[in-house]
Amino acid sequence: MMKARLRDAVGSLAAKSGAIARRESKIRGHLTILCYHRILPEPARSAYHDPDLVVTPEIFRQQCRSLAQHYHVLPLSEALASLNGHTIPERPLAAITFDDGYRDNIVIAAPILREHSLRATFFIVAGLVDTDRLPWYDLAGQAWLTLYPRTGRATVKAELERVKRLMPAQRQIWLTELVERACPHKISDLDRIMASDDLRVLNSEGHEIGSHTMTHPLLPQCEDRALIHELEQSRRDLSEITGRSVPGICYPNGDCDARVRQATEGAGYDYATSVRQGTNDASEFDRFGLKRWFINQERLSTRSGAPSDTLFRMEICGLADSIFRWRRG
């Protein structure tokens, strides 16, 4: 509560003093990349195993409105081309990205983007396109909450973080046992990964399709052959679906090492995104380790729970990071 009050007070002061506008002016030569996952109504958000990965349509609409007003927004590859060409727009440069490629992205998020004439980049788990299979972490989260309904979301999140670090074979054994104990669930349409037709529609509307690998493994855990398959096959499959090149990739969980970077470049990608937070300075940005701002709905709301345009703008221009460093812990 004390942190929320302080956040509200500092946000109000930053807005009234013009500090946000000054900071936005200073980052005109930078690229701001936003990271979203899912856009769902509040009941579905609350029921999801990790609500931090979900933003409601109402709040996403407000954030899009703010971006359209204060930023020059482009799909990521176009934004990078602008940055490389030293074509600095009057407003700060930004890109909206979505990880995984859930159906809610096209059903809920895409119409909101269209309302504000914004185009985004969607990183797709290619091996789940045109299937009824869920990402392993969704299967695990759903099964865990079925077996342990009184478990807090923080406990579920911590357990999934632990299991992520297991080797793939160990993780599959754990997952199979957990799902069998919980019994199969009916899959919601919005929980599926998008189909080929969905990706083609997004592409036709000017959005960019990127790779999020074939199966969403932690790439440093992959043996060389599996690593190449995850990188190259996903790029080929998505390119065949859309009829266009796939310029970029998002490292699952942000995990990357020197071997993964080298393989990513060798697979023909132009860029890769990480989960490191910050803006990307045109003079020194890392093309295969691009920084992004993870959009957390709770953190960008006032203590009363209302969405805050001030806190959102402070977050994505980097002002909040320099003031509220304690909240990263």
C-alpha atoms as a PDB file:
ATOM      1  CA  MET A   1       0.000   0.000   0.000  1.00  0.00           C
ATOM      2  CA  MET A   2       2.862   2.377   0.839  1.00  0.00           C
ATOM      3  CA  LYS A   3       4.491   1.692  -2.532  1.00  0.00           C
ATOM      4  CA  ALA A   4       1.189   2.284  -4.327  1.00  0.00           C
ATOM      5  CA  ARG A   5       0.679   5.590  -2.557  1.00  0.00           C
ATOM      6  CA  LEU A   6       4.216   6.689  -3.368  1.00  0.00           C
ATOM      7  CA  ARG A   7       3.762   5.638  -6.991  1.00  0.00           C
ATOM      8  CA  ASP A   8       0.548   7.671  -7.255  1.00  0.00           C
ATOM      9  CA  ALA A   9       2.132  10.732  -5.672  1.00  0.00           C
ATOM     10  CA  VAL A  10       5.268  10.638  -7.815  1.00  0.00           C
ATOM     11  CA  GLY A  11       3.201   9.983 -10.943  1.00  0.00           C
ATOM     12  CA  SER A  12       1.032  13.007 -10.249  1.00  0.00           C
ATOM     13  CA  LEU A  13       4.102  15.187  -9.666  1.00  0.00           C
ATOM     14  CA  ALA A  14       5.810  13.886 -12.831  1.00  0.00           C
ATOM     15  CA  ALA A  15       2.751  14.704 -14.939  1.00  0.00           C
ATOM     16  CA  LYS A  16       2.215  18.181 -13.497  1.00  0.00           C
ATOM     17  CA  SER A  17       5.884  19.141 -13.680  1.00  0.00           C
ATOM     18  CA  GLY A  18       6.263  18.083 -17.320  1.00  0.00           C
ATOM     19  CA  ALA A  19       8.901  15.476 -16.410  1.00  0.00           C
ATOM     20  CA  ILE A  20       7.220  12.791 -18.522  1.00  0.00           C
ATOM     21  CA  ALA A  21       7.048  14.962 -21.628  1.00  0.00           C
ATOM     22  CA  ARG A  22      10.710  15.958 -21.181  1.00  0.00           C
ATOM     23  CA  ARG A  23      11.763  12.321 -20.837  1.00  0.00           C
ATOM     24  CA  GLU A  24       9.765  11.350 -23.934  1.00  0.00           C
ATOM     25  CA  SER A  25      11.535  14.100 -25.851  1.00  0.00           C
ATOM     26  CA  LYS A  26      14.937  12.758 -24.729  1.00  0.00           C
ATOM     27  CA  ILE A  27      14.242   9.256 -26.042  1.00  0.00           C
ATOM     28  CA  ARG A  28      13.394  10.331 -29.595  1.00  0.00           C
ATOM     29  CA  GLY A  29      16.591   8.587 -30.756  1.00  0.00           C
ATOM     30  CA  HIS A  30      15.669   5.368 -28.928  1.00  0.00           C
ATOM     31  CA  LEU A  31      13.306   2.505 -29.658  1.00  0.00           C
ATOM     32  CA  THR A  32      10.757   1.578 -27.004  1.00  0.00           C
ATOM     33  CA  ILE A  33       9.423  -1.998 -27.311  1.00  0.00           C
ATOM     34  CA  LEU A  34       6.384  -3.122 -25.334  1.00  0.00           C
ATOM     35  CA  CYS A  35       5.862  -6.774 -24.405  1.00  0.00           C
ATOM     36  CA  TYR A  36       2.326  -8.161 -24.076  1.00  0.00           C
ATOM     37  CA  HIS A  37       1.077 -11.734 -23.951  1.00  0.00           C
ATOM     38  CA  ARG A  38      -2.690 -11.957 -23.555  1.00  0.00           C
ATOM     39  CA  ILE A  39      -5.676  -9.583 -23.722  1.00  0.00           C
ATOM     40  CA  LEU A  40      -8.651 -11.040 -21.798  1.00  0.00           C
ATOM     41  CA  PRO A  41     -11.711  -9.797 -19.891  1.00  0.00           C
ATOM     42  CA  GLU A  42     -11.257  -9.493 -16.126  1.00  0.00           C
ATOM     43  CA  PRO A  43     -12.978 -12.791 -15.180  1.00  0.00           C
ATOM     44  CA  ALA A  44     -10.668 -14.733 -17.507  1.00  0.00           C
ATOM     45  CA  ARG A  45      -7.671 -12.715 -16.347  1.00  0.00           C
ATOM     46  CA  SER A  46      -8.353 -13.515 -12.706  1.00  0.00           C
ATOM     47  CA  ALA A  47      -8.822 -17.208 -13.481  1.00  0.00           C
ATOM     48  CA  TYR A  48      -5.575 -17.503 -15.475  1.00  0.00           C
ATOM     49  CA  HIS A  49      -2.652 -19.170 -13.738  1.00  0.00           C
ATOM     50  CA  ASP A  50      -0.469 -16.051 -14.204  1.00  0.00           C
ATOM     51  CA  PRO A  51      -2.602 -12.865 -14.286  1.00  0.00           C
ATOM     52  CA  ASP A  52       0.575 -10.790 -14.690  1.00  0.00           C
ATOM     53  CA  LEU A  53       0.664 -11.990 -18.314  1.00  0.00           C
ATOM     54  CA  VAL A  54      -2.819 -10.620 -19.016  1.00  0.00           C
ATOM     55  CA  VAL A  55      -4.125  -7.105 -19.686  1.00  0.00           C
ATOM     56  CA  THR A  56      -7.866  -6.420 -19.926  1.00  0.00           C
ATOM     57  CA  PRO A  57      -9.313  -4.993 -23.163  1.00  0.00           C
ATOM     58  CA  GLU A  58     -10.283  -1.759 -21.394  1.00  0.00           C
ATOM     59  CA  ILE A  59      -6.761  -1.103 -20.197  1.00  0.00           C
ATOM     60  CA  PHE A  60      -5.191  -2.203 -23.481  1.00  0.00           C
ATOM     61  CA  ARG A  61      -7.474   0.221 -25.308  1.00  0.00           C
ATOM     62  CA  GLN A  62      -6.363   3.059 -23.031  1.00  0.00           C
ATOM     63  CA  GLN A  63      -2.701   2.161 -23.536  1.00  0.00           C
ATOM     64  CA  CYS A  64      -3.149   2.065 -27.309  1.00  0.00           C
ATOM     65  CA  ARG A  65      -4.800   5.463 -27.172  1.00  0.00           C
ATOM     66  CA  SER A  66      -1.813   6.817 -25.232  1.00  0.00           C
ATOM     67  CA  LEU A  67       0.684   5.249 -27.633  1.00  0.00           C
ATOM     68  CA  ALA A  68      -1.122   6.667 -30.664  1.00  0.00           C
ATOM     69  CA  GLN A  69      -1.034  10.114 -29.077  1.00  0.00           C
ATOM     70  CA  HIS A  70       2.526  10.222 -27.777  1.00  0.00           C
ATOM     71  CA  TYR A  71       4.561   7.742 -29.894  1.00  0.00           C
ATOM     72  CA  HIS A  72       5.283   6.845 -33.497  1.00  0.00           C
ATOM     73  CA  VAL A  73       4.371   3.135 -33.503  1.00  0.00           C
ATOM     74  CA  LEU A  74       5.611   0.650 -36.115  1.00  0.00           C
ATOM     75  CA  PRO A  75       6.021  -3.135 -36.368  1.00  0.00           C
ATOM     76  CA  LEU A  76       9.387  -4.041 -34.934  1.00  0.00           C
ATOM     77  CA  SER A  77      11.309  -4.665 -38.166  1.00  0.00           C
ATOM     78  CA  GLU A  78      10.094  -1.331 -39.583  1.00  0.00           C
ATOM     79  CA  ALA A  79      10.998   0.439 -36.364  1.00  0.00           C
ATOM     80  CA  LEU A  80      14.508  -1.027 -36.483  1.00  0.00           C
ATOM     81  CA  ALA A  81      14.878   0.061 -40.111  1.00  0.00           C
ATOM     82  CA  SER A  82      13.903   3.582 -39.092  1.00  0.00           C
ATOM     83  CA  LEU A  83      16.414   3.489 -36.245  1.00  0.00           C
ATOM     84  CA  ASN A  84      19.185   2.184 -38.502  1.00  0.00           C
ATOM     85  CA  GLY A  85      18.424   4.789 -41.114  1.00  0.00           C
ATOM     86  CA  HIS A  86      18.617   7.537 -38.509  1.00  0.00           C
ATOM     87  CA  THR A  87      15.122   8.596 -39.526  1.00  0.00           C
ATOM     88  CA  ILE A  88      14.026  10.116 -36.250  1.00  0.00           C
ATOM     89  CA  PRO A  89      10.283  10.858 -36.117  1.00  0.00           C
ATOM     90  CA  GLU A  90       8.926  13.839 -34.202  1.00  0.00           C
ATOM     91  CA  ARG A  91       7.558  11.538 -31.526  1.00  0.00           C
ATOM     92  CA  PRO A  92       9.484   8.722 -29.785  1.00  0.00           C
ATOM     93  CA  LEU A  93       9.656   5.480 -31.739  1.00  0.00           C
ATOM     94  CA  ALA A  94       7.825   2.433 -30.326  1.00  0.00           C
ATOM     95  CA  ALA A  95       6.864  -1.138 -31.233  1.00  0.00           C
ATOM     96  CA  ILE A  96       4.109  -3.281 -29.719  1.00  0.00           C
ATOM     97  CA  THR A  97       4.900  -6.998 -29.433  1.00  0.00           C
ATOM     98  CA  PHE A  98       2.903 -10.052 -28.350  1.00  0.00           C
ATOM     99  CA  ASP A  99       4.510 -13.302 -27.217  1.00  0.00           C
ATOM    100  CA  ASP A 100       3.142 -16.825 -27.888  1.00  0.00           C
ATOM    101  CA  GLY A 101       0.335 -16.008 -30.355  1.00  0.00           C
ATOM    102  CA  TYR A 102      -2.899 -16.762 -28.502  1.00  0.00           C
ATOM    103  CA  ARG A 103      -6.265 -16.486 -30.273  1.00  0.00           C
ATOM    104  CA  ASP A 104      -7.225 -13.551 -28.040  1.00  0.00           C
ATOM    105  CA  ASN A 105      -4.561 -11.582 -29.918  1.00  0.00           C
ATOM    106  CA  ILE A 106      -6.636 -11.576 -33.103  1.00  0.00           C
ATOM    107  CA  VAL A 107     -10.107 -11.738 -31.537  1.00  0.00           C
ATOM    108  CA  ILE A 108      -9.642  -8.999 -28.920  1.00  0.00           C
ATOM    109  CA  ALA A 109      -6.318  -7.197 -29.390  1.00  0.00           C
ATOM    110  CA  ALA A 110      -6.319  -6.767 -33.186  1.00  0.00           C
ATOM    111  CA  PRO A 111      -9.618  -4.813 -33.342  1.00  0.00           C
ATOM    112  CA  ILE A 112      -8.357  -2.451 -30.633  1.00  0.00           C
ATOM    113  CA  LEU A 113      -5.122  -1.910 -32.548  1.00  0.00           C
ATOM    114  CA  ARG A 114      -7.218  -1.227 -35.640  1.00  0.00           C
ATOM    115  CA  GLU A 115      -9.272   1.385 -33.761  1.00  0.00           C
ATOM    116  CA  HIS A 116      -6.089   3.377 -33.180  1.00  0.00           C
ATOM    117  CA  SER A 117      -4.408   2.646 -36.534  1.00  0.00           C
ATOM    118  CA  LEU A 118      -1.598   0.751 -34.818  1.00  0.00           C
ATOM    119  CA  ARG A 119       0.325  -2.221 -36.185  1.00  0.00           C
ATOM    120  CA  ALA A 120       2.145  -4.741 -34.005  1.00  0.00           C
ATOM    121  CA  THR A 121       4.533  -7.718 -34.083  1.00  0.00           C
ATOM    122  CA  PHE A 122       3.288 -11.169 -33.024  1.00  0.00           C
ATOM    123  CA  PHE A 123       5.808 -13.834 -31.983  1.00  0.00           C
ATOM    124  CA  ILE A 124       4.210 -17.240 -32.633  1.00  0.00           C
ATOM    125  CA  VAL A 125       4.922 -20.694 -31.172  1.00  0.00           C
ATOM    126  CA  ALA A 126       4.913 -22.219 -34.651  1.00  0.00           C
ATOM    127  CA  GLY A 127       4.526 -25.860 -33.650  1.00  0.00           C
ATOM    128  CA  LEU A 128       1.136 -25.123 -32.034  1.00  0.00           C
ATOM    129  CA  VAL A 129      -0.410 -23.343 -35.029  1.00  0.00           C
ATOM    130  CA  ASP A 130      -3.480 -25.214 -36.380  1.00  0.00           C
ATOM    131  CA  THR A 131      -3.574 -27.546 -33.352  1.00  0.00           C
ATOM    132  CA  ASP A 132      -5.654 -27.926 -30.200  1.00  0.00           C
ATOM    133  CA  ARG A 133      -2.533 -28.257 -28.068  1.00  0.00           C
ATOM    134  CA  LEU A 134      -1.798 -25.690 -25.392  1.00  0.00           C
ATOM    135  CA  PRO A 135       1.680 -24.457 -24.460  1.00  0.00           C
ATOM    136  CA  TRP A 136       3.105 -26.736 -21.758  1.00  0.00           C
ATOM    137  CA  TYR A 137       3.040 -23.989 -19.134  1.00  0.00           C
ATOM    138  CA  ASP A 138      -0.692 -23.415 -19.684  1.00  0.00           C
ATOM    139  CA  LEU A 139      -1.378 -27.144 -19.339  1.00  0.00           C
ATOM    140  CA  ALA A 140       0.663 -27.165 -16.149  1.00  0.00           C
ATOM    141  CA  GLY A 141      -0.932 -24.044 -14.688  1.00  0.00           C
ATOM    142  CA  GLN A 142      -4.446 -25.282 -15.479  1.00  0.00           C
ATOM    143  CA  ALA A 143      -3.759 -28.720 -13.995  1.00  0.00           C
ATOM    144  CA  TRP A 144      -2.135 -27.290 -10.878  1.00  0.00           C
ATOM    145  CA  LEU A 145      -5.087 -25.027 -10.112  1.00  0.00           C
ATOM    146  CA  THR A 146      -7.485 -27.951 -10.648  1.00  0.00           C
ATOM    147  CA  LEU A 147      -5.601 -30.120  -8.180  1.00  0.00           C
ATOM    148  CA  TYR A 148      -4.831 -27.333  -5.718  1.00  0.00           C
ATOM    149  CA  PRO A 149      -7.611 -24.731  -6.142  1.00  0.00           C
ATOM    150  CA  ARG A 150      -6.683 -22.853  -2.976  1.00  0.00           C
ATOM    151  CA  THR A 151      -3.111 -22.344  -4.112  1.00  0.00           C
ATOM    152  CA  GLY A 152      -2.185 -18.700  -4.537  1.00  0.00           C
ATOM    153  CA  ARG A 153      -1.141 -17.530  -7.978  1.00  0.00           C
ATOM    154  CA  ALA A 154       2.318 -16.674  -6.627  1.00  0.00           C
ATOM    155  CA  THR A 155       2.811 -20.332  -5.663  1.00  0.00           C
ATOM    156  CA  VAL A 156       1.764 -21.531  -9.118  1.00  0.00           C
ATOM    157  CA  LYS A 157       4.114 -19.038 -10.756  1.00  0.00           C
ATOM    158  CA  ALA A 158       7.013 -20.094  -8.527  1.00  0.00           C
ATOM    159  CA  GLU A 159       6.401 -23.778  -9.287  1.00  0.00           C
ATOM    160  CA  LEU A 160       6.364 -23.145 -13.037  1.00  0.00           C
ATOM    161  CA  GLU A 161       9.567 -21.143 -12.759  1.00  0.00           C
ATOM    162  CA  ARG A 162      11.163 -24.079 -10.979  1.00  0.00           C
ATOM    163  CA  VAL A 163       9.975 -26.580 -13.586  1.00  0.00           C
ATOM    164  CA  LYS A 164      11.205 -24.380 -16.448  1.00  0.00           C
ATOM    165  CA  ARG A 165      14.744 -25.038 -15.256  1.00  0.00           C
ATOM    166  CA  LEU A 166      14.402 -28.812 -15.450  1.00  0.00           C
ATOM    167  CA  MET A 167      15.835 -30.553 -18.452  1.00  0.00           C
ATOM    168  CA  PRO A 168      13.182 -31.150 -21.161  1.00  0.00           C
ATOM    169  CA  ALA A 169      12.796 -34.897 -20.476  1.00  0.00           C
ATOM    170  CA  GLN A 170      12.378 -34.313 -16.737  1.00  0.00           C
ATOM    171  CA  ARG A 171       9.877 -31.528 -17.353  1.00  0.00           C
ATOM    172  CA  GLN A 172       7.809 -33.738 -19.660  1.00  0.00           C
ATOM    173  CA  ILE A 173       7.610 -36.501 -17.051  1.00  0.00           C
ATOM    174  CA  TRP A 174       6.494 -33.995 -14.407  1.00  0.00           C
ATOM    175  CA  LEU A 175       3.923 -32.473 -16.772  1.00  0.00           C
ATOM    176  CA  THR A 176       2.478 -35.806 -17.913  1.00  0.00           C
ATOM    177  CA  GLU A 177       1.956 -36.973 -14.348  1.00  0.00           C
ATOM    178  CA  LEU A 178       0.389 -33.673 -13.305  1.00  0.00           C
ATOM    179  CA  VAL A 179      -2.045 -33.514 -16.249  1.00  0.00           C
ATOM    180  CA  GLU A 180      -3.090 -37.151 -15.839  1.00  0.00           C
ATOM    181  CA  ARG A 181      -3.937 -36.536 -12.189  1.00  0.00           C
ATOM    182  CA  ALA A 182      -5.965 -33.430 -13.055  1.00  0.00           C
ATOM    183  CA  CYS A 183      -7.846 -35.111 -15.967  1.00  0.00           C
ATOM    184  CA  PRO A 184      -8.267 -33.391 -19.368  1.00  0.00           C
ATOM    185  CA  HIS A 185      -9.971 -30.004 -19.588  1.00  0.00           C
ATOM    186  CA  LYS A 186     -12.068 -28.447 -22.292  1.00  0.00           C
ATOM    187  CA  ILE A 187      -9.934 -25.961 -24.182  1.00  0.00           C
ATOM    188  CA  SER A 188     -11.276 -22.452 -24.599  1.00  0.00           C
ATOM    189  CA  ASP A 189     -11.043 -21.023 -28.111  1.00  0.00           C
ATOM    190  CA  LEU A 190      -9.117 -17.990 -26.830  1.00  0.00           C
ATOM    191  CA  ASP A 191      -6.575 -20.235 -25.092  1.00  0.00           C
ATOM    192  CA  ARG A 192      -5.461 -21.838 -28.350  1.00  0.00           C
ATOM    193  CA  ILE A 193      -2.570 -20.573 -30.413  1.00  0.00           C
ATOM    194  CA  MET A 194      -3.775 -18.852 -33.586  1.00  0.00           C
ATOM    195  CA  ALA A 195      -4.475 -20.790 -36.774  1.00  0.00           C
ATOM    196  CA  SER A 196      -2.822 -20.222 -40.159  1.00  0.00           C
ATOM    197  CA  ASP A 197      -5.777 -18.171 -41.403  1.00  0.00           C
ATOM    198  CA  ASP A 198      -5.464 -15.902 -38.365  1.00  0.00           C
ATOM    199  CA  LEU A 199      -1.806 -15.237 -39.111  1.00  0.00           C
ATOM    200  CA  ARG A 200      -2.593 -14.446 -42.731  1.00  0.00           C
ATOM    201  CA  VAL A 201      -5.266 -11.978 -41.649  1.00  0.00           C
ATOM    202  CA  LEU A 202      -2.854 -10.219 -39.298  1.00  0.00           C
ATOM    203  CA  ASN A 203      -0.239 -10.055 -42.040  1.00  0.00           C
ATOM    204  CA  SER A 204      -2.746  -8.635 -44.507  1.00  0.00           C
ATOM    205  CA  GLU A 205      -3.539  -5.846 -42.052  1.00  0.00           C
ATOM    206  CA  GLY A 206       0.116  -4.809 -41.877  1.00  0.00           C
ATOM    207  CA  HIS A 207       1.087  -6.606 -38.700  1.00  0.00           C
ATOM    208  CA  GLU A 208       4.366  -8.497 -38.526  1.00  0.00           C
ATOM    209  CA  ILE A 209       4.688 -12.219 -37.755  1.00  0.00           C
ATOM    210  CA  GLY A 210       7.789 -13.345 -35.883  1.00  0.00           C
ATOM    211  CA  SER A 211       8.952 -16.647 -34.436  1.00  0.00           C
ATOM    212  CA  HIS A 212       8.746 -17.819 -30.844  1.00  0.00           C
ATOM    213  CA  THR A 213      10.367 -21.162 -31.817  1.00  0.00           C
ATOM    214  CA  MET A 214       8.539 -24.442 -32.517  1.00  0.00           C
ATOM    215  CA  THR A 215       7.771 -25.617 -28.966  1.00  0.00           C
ATOM    216  CA  HIS A 216       8.876 -22.792 -26.615  1.00  0.00           C
ATOM    217  CA  PRO A 217      11.871 -24.551 -25.007  1.00  0.00           C
ATOM    218  CA  LEU A 218      14.577 -22.740 -23.086  1.00  0.00           C
ATOM    219  CA  LEU A 219      17.020 -22.550 -25.969  1.00  0.00           C
ATOM    220  CA  PRO A 220      20.271 -22.859 -23.968  1.00  0.00           C
ATOM    221  CA  GLN A 221      19.001 -26.284 -22.796  1.00  0.00           C
ATOM    222  CA  CYS A 222      18.660 -27.563 -26.361  1.00  0.00           C
ATOM    223  CA  GLU A 223      21.269 -29.761 -27.958  1.00  0.00           C
ATOM    224  CA  ASP A 224      22.676 -28.386 -31.202  1.00  0.00           C
ATOM    225  CA  ARG A 225      20.364 -30.324 -33.530  1.00  0.00           C
ATOM    226  CA  ALA A 226      17.251 -29.432 -31.514  1.00  0.00           C
ATOM    227  CA  LEU A 227      18.322 -25.799 -31.298  1.00  0.00           C
ATOM    228  CA  ILE A 228      18.682 -25.497 -35.081  1.00  0.00           C
ATOM    229  CA  HIS A 229      15.302 -27.193 -35.557  1.00  0.00           C
ATOM    230  CA  GLU A 230      13.558 -24.805 -33.152  1.00  0.00           C
ATOM    231  CA  LEU A 231      15.032 -21.777 -34.901  1.00  0.00           C
ATOM    232  CA  GLU A 232      14.977 -22.765 -38.563  1.00  0.00           C
ATOM    233  CA  GLN A 233      11.806 -24.864 -38.791  1.00  0.00           C
ATOM    234  CA  SER A 234       9.686 -22.239 -37.049  1.00  0.00           C
ATOM    235  CA  ARG A 235      10.953 -19.576 -39.436  1.00  0.00           C
ATOM    236  CA  ARG A 236      10.224 -21.765 -42.469  1.00  0.00           C
ATOM    237  CA  ASP A 237       6.764 -22.801 -41.288  1.00  0.00           C
ATOM    238  CA  LEU A 238       5.633 -19.270 -40.483  1.00  0.00           C
ATOM    239  CA  SER A 239       7.022 -17.957 -43.770  1.00  0.00           C
ATOM    240  CA  GLU A 240       5.117 -20.642 -45.715  1.00  0.00           C
ATOM    241  CA  ILE A 241       1.896 -19.725 -43.894  1.00  0.00           C
ATOM    242  CA  THR A 242       2.133 -15.982 -44.476  1.00  0.00           C
ATOM    243  CA  GLY A 243       3.981 -15.958 -47.785  1.00  0.00           C
ATOM    244  CA  ARG A 244       6.440 -13.462 -46.318  1.00  0.00           C
ATOM    245  CA  SER A 245       9.820 -13.577 -44.654  1.00  0.00           C
ATOM    246  CA  VAL A 246       9.990 -13.873 -40.880  1.00  0.00           C
ATOM    247  CA  PRO A 247      12.532 -11.270 -39.794  1.00  0.00           C
ATOM    248  CA  GLY A 248      12.646 -11.703 -36.036  1.00  0.00           C
ATOM    249  CA  ILE A 249      12.411 -14.073 -33.101  1.00  0.00           C
ATOM    250  CA  CYS A 250      11.634 -13.776 -29.424  1.00  0.00           C
ATOM    251  CA  TYR A 251      13.761 -16.003 -27.174  1.00  0.00           C
ATOM    252  CA  PRO A 252      11.406 -18.102 -25.006  1.00  0.00           C
ATOM    253  CA  ASN A 253      11.622 -16.824 -21.439  1.00  0.00           C
ATOM    254  CA  GLY A 254      14.343 -14.483 -22.682  1.00  0.00           C
ATOM    255  CA  ASP A 255      16.959 -17.204 -22.191  1.00  0.00           C
ATOM    256  CA  CYS A 256      19.967 -16.834 -24.473  1.00  0.00           C
ATOM    257  CA  ASP A 257      23.701 -17.472 -24.469  1.00  0.00           C
ATOM    258  CA  ALA A 258      26.519 -17.031 -26.986  1.00  0.00           C
ATOM    259  CA  ARG A 259      25.735 -20.340 -28.721  1.00  0.00           C
ATOM    260  CA  VAL A 260      22.041 -19.446 -29.076  1.00  0.00           C
ATOM    261  CA  ARG A 261      22.867 -15.981 -30.426  1.00  0.00           C
ATOM    262  CA  GLN A 262      25.219 -17.448 -33.022  1.00  0.00           C
ATOM    263  CA  ALA A 263      22.635 -20.033 -34.077  1.00  0.00           C
ATOM    264  CA  THR A 264      19.942 -17.350 -34.282  1.00  0.00           C
ATOM    265  CA  GLU A 265      22.020 -15.229 -36.612  1.00  0.00           C
ATOM    266  CA  GLY A 266      22.924 -18.319 -38.629  1.00  0.00           C
ATOM    267  CA  ALA A 267      19.248 -19.195 -39.010  1.00  0.00           C
ATOM    268  CA  GLY A 268      18.753 -15.950 -40.931  1.00  0.00           C
ATOM    269  CA  TYR A 269      16.974 -13.770 -38.407  1.00  0.00           C
ATOM    270  CA  ASP A 270      17.510 -10.014 -38.489  1.00  0.00           C
ATOM    271  CA  TYR A 271      16.838  -9.443 -34.789  1.00  0.00           C
ATOM    272  CA  ALA A 272      15.862 -11.119 -31.506  1.00  0.00           C
ATOM    273  CA  THR A 273      14.110  -9.792 -28.428  1.00  0.00           C
ATOM    274  CA  SER A 274      15.010 -10.456 -24.815  1.00  0.00           C
ATOM    275  CA  VAL A 275      13.220  -9.804 -21.523  1.00  0.00           C
ATOM    276  CA  ARG A 276      15.746  -7.214 -20.375  1.00  0.00           C
ATOM    277  CA  GLN A 277      13.957  -3.980 -19.611  1.00  0.00           C
ATOM    278  CA  GLY A 278      14.790  -0.585 -21.036  1.00  0.00           C
ATOM    279  CA  THR A 279      14.785   1.437 -24.233  1.00  0.00           C
ATOM    280  CA  ASN A 280      17.096   0.705 -27.159  1.00  0.00           C
ATOM    281  CA  ASP A 281      19.481   3.539 -27.960  1.00  0.00           C
ATOM    282  CA  ALA A 282      20.143   3.943 -31.697  1.00  0.00           C
ATOM    283  CA  SER A 283      23.859   4.463 -31.032  1.00  0.00           C
ATOM    284  CA  GLU A 284      24.441   1.211 -29.119  1.00  0.00           C
ATOM    285  CA  PHE A 285      21.503  -1.181 -29.245  1.00  0.00           C
ATOM    286  CA  ASP A 286      21.976  -4.949 -29.362  1.00  0.00           C
ATOM    287  CA  ARG A 287      20.103  -6.316 -32.386  1.00  0.00           C
ATOM    288  CA  PHE A 288      20.054  -9.863 -30.962  1.00  0.00           C
ATOM    289  CA  GLY A 289      19.213  -8.820 -27.434  1.00  0.00           C
ATOM    290  CA  LEU A 290      16.627  -6.078 -27.818  1.00  0.00           C
ATOM    291  CA  LYS A 291      15.221  -4.687 -24.585  1.00  0.00           C
ATOM    292  CA  ARG A 292      11.485  -4.535 -23.936  1.00  0.00           C
ATOM    293  CA  TRP A 293       9.107  -3.228 -21.285  1.00  0.00           C
ATOM    294  CA  PHE A 294       6.970  -6.009 -19.824  1.00  0.00           C
ATOM    295  CA  ILE A 295       3.482  -4.539 -19.380  1.00  0.00           C
ATOM    296  CA  ASN A 296       2.112  -5.448 -15.946  1.00  0.00           C
ATOM    297  CA  GLN A 297      -1.450  -4.238 -15.426  1.00  0.00           C
ATOM    298  CA  GLU A 298      -1.288  -4.146 -11.625  1.00  0.00           C
ATOM    299  CA  ARG A 299       1.897  -2.109 -11.526  1.00  0.00           C
ATOM    300  CA  LEU A 300       0.488   0.456 -13.929  1.00  0.00           C
ATOM    301  CA  SER A 301      -2.716   1.022 -11.970  1.00  0.00           C
ATOM    302  CA  THR A 302      -3.404   3.432  -9.135  1.00  0.00           C
ATOM    303  CA  ARG A 303      -3.875   2.126  -5.593  1.00  0.00           C
ATOM    304  CA  SER A 304      -7.636   2.218  -6.215  1.00  0.00           C
ATOM    305  CA  GLY A 305      -7.130  -0.201  -9.125  1.00  0.00           C
ATOM    306  CA  ALA A 306      -7.876   2.322 -11.881  1.00  0.00           C
ATOM    307  CA  PRO A 307      -5.607   2.306 -14.969  1.00  0.00           C
ATOM    308  CA  SER A 308      -3.122   5.158 -14.954  1.00  0.00           C
ATOM    309  CA  ASP A 309      -2.009   6.780 -18.200  1.00  0.00           C
ATOM    310  CA  THR A 310       0.625   8.648 -16.187  1.00  0.00           C
ATOM    311  CA  LEU A 311       2.199   5.480 -14.769  1.00  0.00           C
ATOM    312  CA  PHE A 312       2.053   3.829 -18.203  1.00  0.00           C
ATOM    313  CA  ARG A 313       3.901   6.692 -19.852  1.00  0.00           C
ATOM    314  CA  MET A 314       6.419   6.828 -16.998  1.00  0.00           C
ATOM    315  CA  GLU A 315       7.052   3.109 -17.417  1.00  0.00           C
ATOM    316  CA  ILE A 316       7.677   2.958 -21.150  1.00  0.00           C
ATOM    317  CA  CYS A 317       9.860   6.068 -21.334  1.00  0.00           C
ATOM    318  CA  GLY A 318      12.098   4.706 -18.558  1.00  0.00           C
ATOM    319  CA  LEU A 319      11.286   7.398 -16.014  1.00  0.00           C
ATOM    320  CA  ALA A 320       9.644   4.919 -13.623  1.00  0.00           C
ATOM    321  CA  ASP A 321      12.653   2.620 -13.819  1.00  0.00           C
ATOM    322  CA  SER A 322      14.983   5.333 -12.616  1.00  0.00           C
ATOM    323  CA  ILE A 323      12.637   6.409  -9.795  1.00  0.00           C
ATOM    324  CA  PHE A 324      11.090   3.124  -8.600  1.00  0.00           C
ATOM    325  CA  ARG A 325      14.080   0.796  -8.753  1.00  0.00           C
ATOM    326  CA  TRP A 326      12.962  -0.884  -5.574  1.00  0.00           C
ATOM    327  CA  ARG A 327       9.830  -2.255  -7.235  1.00  0.00           C
ATOM    328  CA  ARG A 328      11.905  -4.524  -9.512  1.00  0.00           C
ATOM    329  CA  GLY A 329      12.771  -6.747  -6.592  1.00  0.00           C
END
